[in-house]
């Protein structure tokens, strides 16, 4: 019984210490698309690295977008980019 209790408590402590990335959103006009680096920059100055789920070829400078992103270290990872009216 004691090993089960220790294992259960250890697992609970590990789960409690995991921090889940919360998605944020912002909107703006794309000022730059970097195909090589798979990034976009918005008119608010924020730069996003695009996840594999985002098609960089569908994005263009001047396009109004809503970006869903997660902070990973000091980088903004765009998990979704769409027209704001969607």
N, C-alpha and C. Protein backbone atom coordinates (compact mmCIF):
# COMPACT_ATOMS: atom_id res chain seq x y z
N UNK A 1 0.82 -1.20 0.00
CA UNK A 1 0.00 0.00 0.00
C UNK A 1 0.87 1.26 0.00
N UNK A 2 1.95 1.22 0.75
CA UNK A 2 2.82 2.38 0.84
C UNK A 2 3.43 2.76 -0.51
N UNK A 3 3.96 1.81 -1.32
CA UNK A 3 4.50 2.19 -2.63
C UNK A 3 3.45 2.81 -3.55
N UNK A 4 2.22 2.31 -3.50
CA UNK A 4 1.14 2.87 -4.30
C UNK A 4 0.87 4.32 -3.91
N UNK A 5 0.83 4.58 -2.62
CA UNK A 5 0.57 5.93 -2.12
C UNK A 5 1.70 6.88 -2.54
N UNK A 6 2.93 6.43 -2.44
CA UNK A 6 4.07 7.27 -2.83
C UNK A 6 4.02 7.56 -4.34
N UNK A 7 3.72 6.55 -5.13
CA UNK A 7 3.62 6.72 -6.59
C UNK A 7 2.50 7.69 -6.93
N UNK A 8 1.37 7.53 -6.29
CA UNK A 8 0.22 8.41 -6.55
C UNK A 8 0.54 9.86 -6.17
N UNK A 9 1.17 10.05 -5.03
CA UNK A 9 1.50 11.41 -4.59
C UNK A 9 2.55 12.03 -5.50
N UNK A 10 3.51 11.24 -5.96
CA UNK A 10 4.53 11.75 -6.88
C UNK A 10 3.90 12.18 -8.20
N UNK A 11 3.00 11.35 -8.71
CA UNK A 11 2.32 11.69 -9.96
C UNK A 11 1.49 12.96 -9.80
N UNK A 12 0.80 13.10 -8.69
CA UNK A 12 -0.01 14.30 -8.45
C UNK A 12 0.87 15.54 -8.38
N UNK A 13 2.02 15.42 -7.73
CA UNK A 13 2.94 16.57 -7.64
C UNK A 13 3.47 16.96 -9.01
N UNK A 14 3.79 15.97 -9.83
CA UNK A 14 4.27 16.27 -11.19
C UNK A 14 3.20 16.96 -12.01
N UNK A 15 1.97 16.47 -11.94
CA UNK A 15 0.88 17.11 -12.69
C UNK A 15 0.64 18.53 -12.22
N UNK A 16 0.74 18.76 -10.94
CA UNK A 16 0.51 20.10 -10.40
C UNK A 16 1.61 21.07 -10.84
N UNK A 17 2.82 20.56 -11.10
CA UNK A 17 3.92 21.45 -11.45
C UNK A 17 3.99 21.77 -12.94
N UNK A 18 3.23 21.05 -13.75
CA UNK A 18 3.24 21.31 -15.19
C UNK A 18 2.47 22.59 -15.45
N UNK A 19 3.09 23.51 -16.20
CA UNK A 19 2.38 24.74 -16.55
C UNK A 19 1.90 24.62 -17.98
N UNK A 20 0.64 24.77 -18.16
CA UNK A 20 0.06 24.68 -19.49
C UNK A 20 0.13 26.04 -20.16
N UNK A 21 0.51 26.04 -21.43
CA UNK A 21 0.60 27.29 -22.19
C UNK A 21 -0.81 27.78 -22.50
N UNK A 22 -1.07 28.99 -22.13
CA UNK A 22 -2.37 29.57 -22.42
C UNK A 22 -2.28 30.34 -23.74
N UNK A 23 -3.25 30.11 -24.58
CA UNK A 23 -3.26 30.79 -25.88
C UNK A 23 -3.72 32.24 -25.70
N UNK A 24 -3.05 33.14 -26.39
CA UNK A 24 -3.42 34.55 -26.42
C UNK A 24 -3.86 34.88 -27.83
N UNK A 25 -4.50 36.02 -27.99
CA UNK A 25 -4.91 36.48 -29.32
C UNK A 25 -4.56 37.95 -29.48
N UNK A 26 -4.28 38.32 -30.71
CA UNK A 26 -4.08 39.72 -31.07
C UNK A 26 -4.53 39.88 -32.51
N UNK A 27 -4.75 41.09 -32.91
CA UNK A 27 -5.18 41.36 -34.29
C UNK A 27 -4.38 42.54 -34.82
N UNK A 28 -4.26 42.58 -36.14
CA UNK A 28 -3.56 43.68 -36.77
C UNK A 28 -3.33 43.44 -38.24
N UNK A 29 -2.57 44.32 -38.84
CA UNK A 29 -2.24 44.23 -40.27
C UNK A 29 -0.83 43.67 -40.40
N UNK A 30 -0.66 42.69 -41.28
CA UNK A 30 0.66 42.11 -41.53
C UNK A 30 1.52 43.15 -42.25
N UNK A 31 2.70 43.42 -41.69
CA UNK A 31 3.63 44.36 -42.34
C UNK A 31 4.76 43.62 -43.04
N UNK A 32 5.04 42.38 -42.60
CA UNK A 32 6.13 41.62 -43.21
C UNK A 32 5.85 40.13 -43.10
N UNK A 33 6.14 39.41 -44.20
CA UNK A 33 6.08 37.94 -44.22
C UNK A 33 7.48 37.46 -44.59
N UNK A 34 8.07 36.64 -43.74
CA UNK A 34 9.40 36.08 -44.02
C UNK A 34 9.22 34.60 -44.30
N UNK A 35 9.25 34.24 -45.59
CA UNK A 35 9.03 32.85 -45.99
C UNK A 35 10.14 31.94 -45.49
N UNK A 36 11.36 32.42 -45.52
CA UNK A 36 12.51 31.60 -45.11
C UNK A 36 12.46 31.24 -43.63
N UNK A 37 12.13 32.22 -42.81
CA UNK A 37 12.10 32.00 -41.36
C UNK A 37 10.72 31.59 -40.86
N UNK A 38 9.72 31.58 -41.77
CA UNK A 38 8.35 31.21 -41.39
C UNK A 38 7.81 32.12 -40.29
N UNK A 39 7.98 33.45 -40.50
CA UNK A 39 7.51 34.43 -39.52
C UNK A 39 6.66 35.49 -40.20
N UNK A 40 5.81 36.12 -39.39
CA UNK A 40 5.09 37.32 -39.82
C UNK A 40 5.27 38.38 -38.75
N UNK A 41 5.20 39.64 -39.17
CA UNK A 41 5.25 40.77 -38.25
C UNK A 41 3.99 41.60 -38.48
N UNK A 42 3.37 42.01 -37.37
CA UNK A 42 2.17 42.85 -37.46
C UNK A 42 2.52 44.31 -37.24
N UNK A 43 1.56 45.17 -37.57
CA UNK A 43 1.77 46.62 -37.43
C UNK A 43 1.93 47.06 -35.97
N UNK A 44 1.63 46.18 -35.02
CA UNK A 44 1.85 46.51 -33.61
C UNK A 44 3.27 46.16 -33.16
N UNK A 45 4.09 45.65 -34.11
CA UNK A 45 5.48 45.33 -33.83
C UNK A 45 5.72 43.90 -33.39
N UNK A 46 4.67 43.15 -33.16
CA UNK A 46 4.84 41.77 -32.71
C UNK A 46 5.22 40.87 -33.89
N UNK A 47 6.19 39.99 -33.65
CA UNK A 47 6.61 39.02 -34.65
C UNK A 47 6.23 37.63 -34.16
N UNK A 48 5.75 36.81 -35.08
CA UNK A 48 5.28 35.47 -34.74
C UNK A 48 5.98 34.44 -35.62
N UNK A 49 6.46 33.37 -35.00
CA UNK A 49 6.93 32.21 -35.73
C UNK A 49 5.71 31.34 -35.98
N UNK A 50 5.52 30.91 -37.22
CA UNK A 50 4.32 30.16 -37.58
C UNK A 50 4.50 28.68 -37.29
N UNK A 51 3.49 28.09 -36.64
CA UNK A 51 3.51 26.65 -36.42
C UNK A 51 3.26 25.94 -37.74
N UNK A 52 3.46 24.64 -37.76
CA UNK A 52 3.26 23.86 -38.98
C UNK A 52 1.81 23.90 -39.46
N UNK A 53 0.88 24.25 -38.58
CA UNK A 53 -0.54 24.31 -38.93
C UNK A 53 -0.91 25.56 -39.72
N UNK A 54 -0.01 26.54 -39.79
CA UNK A 54 -0.30 27.81 -40.47
C UNK A 54 0.40 27.83 -41.82
N UNK A 55 -0.36 28.10 -42.87
CA UNK A 55 0.17 28.15 -44.23
C UNK A 55 0.72 29.55 -44.52
N UNK A 56 2.04 29.69 -44.49
CA UNK A 56 2.66 30.99 -44.70
C UNK A 56 2.37 31.53 -46.11
N UNK A 57 2.18 30.64 -47.07
CA UNK A 57 1.91 31.07 -48.44
C UNK A 57 0.54 31.72 -48.62
N UNK A 58 -0.35 31.56 -47.66
CA UNK A 58 -1.67 32.17 -47.72
C UNK A 58 -1.68 33.57 -47.09
N UNK A 59 -0.52 34.03 -46.60
CA UNK A 59 -0.44 35.32 -45.91
C UNK A 59 0.33 36.32 -46.74
N UNK A 60 -0.07 37.59 -46.63
CA UNK A 60 0.57 38.65 -47.42
C UNK A 60 0.60 39.95 -46.62
N UNK A 61 1.61 40.76 -46.88
CA UNK A 61 1.69 42.09 -46.27
C UNK A 61 0.44 42.88 -46.63
N UNK A 62 -0.08 43.61 -45.65
CA UNK A 62 -1.28 44.41 -45.85
C UNK A 62 -2.56 43.70 -45.42
N UNK A 63 -2.49 42.41 -45.19
CA UNK A 63 -3.65 41.62 -44.82
C UNK A 63 -3.99 41.82 -43.34
N UNK A 64 -5.27 42.05 -43.06
CA UNK A 64 -5.74 42.13 -41.67
C UNK A 64 -5.95 40.71 -41.16
N UNK A 65 -5.41 40.42 -39.97
CA UNK A 65 -5.51 39.07 -39.43
C UNK A 65 -5.74 39.09 -37.92
N UNK A 66 -6.26 37.97 -37.45
CA UNK A 66 -6.33 37.69 -36.01
C UNK A 66 -5.37 36.53 -35.78
N UNK A 67 -4.45 36.68 -34.83
CA UNK A 67 -3.43 35.67 -34.57
C UNK A 67 -3.67 35.06 -33.19
N UNK A 68 -3.77 33.75 -33.15
CA UNK A 68 -3.80 33.01 -31.90
C UNK A 68 -2.39 32.50 -31.68
N UNK A 69 -1.83 32.74 -30.49
CA UNK A 69 -0.43 32.39 -30.27
C UNK A 69 -0.18 31.96 -28.84
N UNK A 70 0.96 31.30 -28.68
CA UNK A 70 1.44 30.90 -27.36
C UNK A 70 2.86 31.42 -27.18
N UNK A 71 3.18 31.84 -25.98
CA UNK A 71 4.54 32.27 -25.63
C UNK A 71 5.35 31.02 -25.29
N UNK A 72 6.45 30.82 -25.98
CA UNK A 72 7.38 29.74 -25.66
C UNK A 72 8.75 30.36 -25.54
N UNK A 73 9.26 30.35 -24.32
CA UNK A 73 10.49 31.06 -23.99
C UNK A 73 10.28 32.53 -24.34
N UNK A 74 11.08 33.11 -25.21
CA UNK A 74 10.91 34.52 -25.57
C UNK A 74 10.30 34.65 -26.96
N UNK A 75 9.69 33.58 -27.45
CA UNK A 75 9.17 33.56 -28.82
C UNK A 75 7.64 33.45 -28.82
N UNK A 76 7.01 34.15 -29.76
CA UNK A 76 5.57 34.03 -29.98
C UNK A 76 5.34 33.02 -31.09
N UNK A 77 4.65 31.92 -30.77
CA UNK A 77 4.37 30.87 -31.75
C UNK A 77 2.91 30.99 -32.17
N UNK A 78 2.69 31.34 -33.44
CA UNK A 78 1.34 31.47 -33.98
C UNK A 78 0.78 30.08 -34.26
N UNK A 79 -0.31 29.75 -33.58
CA UNK A 79 -0.96 28.46 -33.79
C UNK A 79 -2.15 28.60 -34.72
N UNK A 80 -2.55 29.83 -34.98
CA UNK A 80 -3.65 30.11 -35.91
C UNK A 80 -3.59 31.54 -36.40
N UNK A 81 -3.84 31.71 -37.70
CA UNK A 81 -3.90 33.05 -38.30
C UNK A 81 -5.11 33.05 -39.22
N UNK A 82 -6.04 33.99 -38.98
CA UNK A 82 -7.26 34.03 -39.78
C UNK A 82 -7.75 35.46 -39.94
N UNK A 83 -8.68 35.64 -40.88
CA UNK A 83 -9.29 36.95 -41.05
C UNK A 83 -10.08 37.28 -39.79
N UNK A 84 -10.05 38.54 -39.34
CA UNK A 84 -10.72 38.89 -38.08
C UNK A 84 -12.21 38.64 -38.08
N UNK A 85 -12.87 38.65 -39.22
CA UNK A 85 -14.32 38.44 -39.24
C UNK A 85 -14.71 36.98 -39.09
N UNK A 86 -13.75 36.04 -39.13
CA UNK A 86 -14.06 34.61 -38.96
C UNK A 86 -14.34 34.28 -37.53
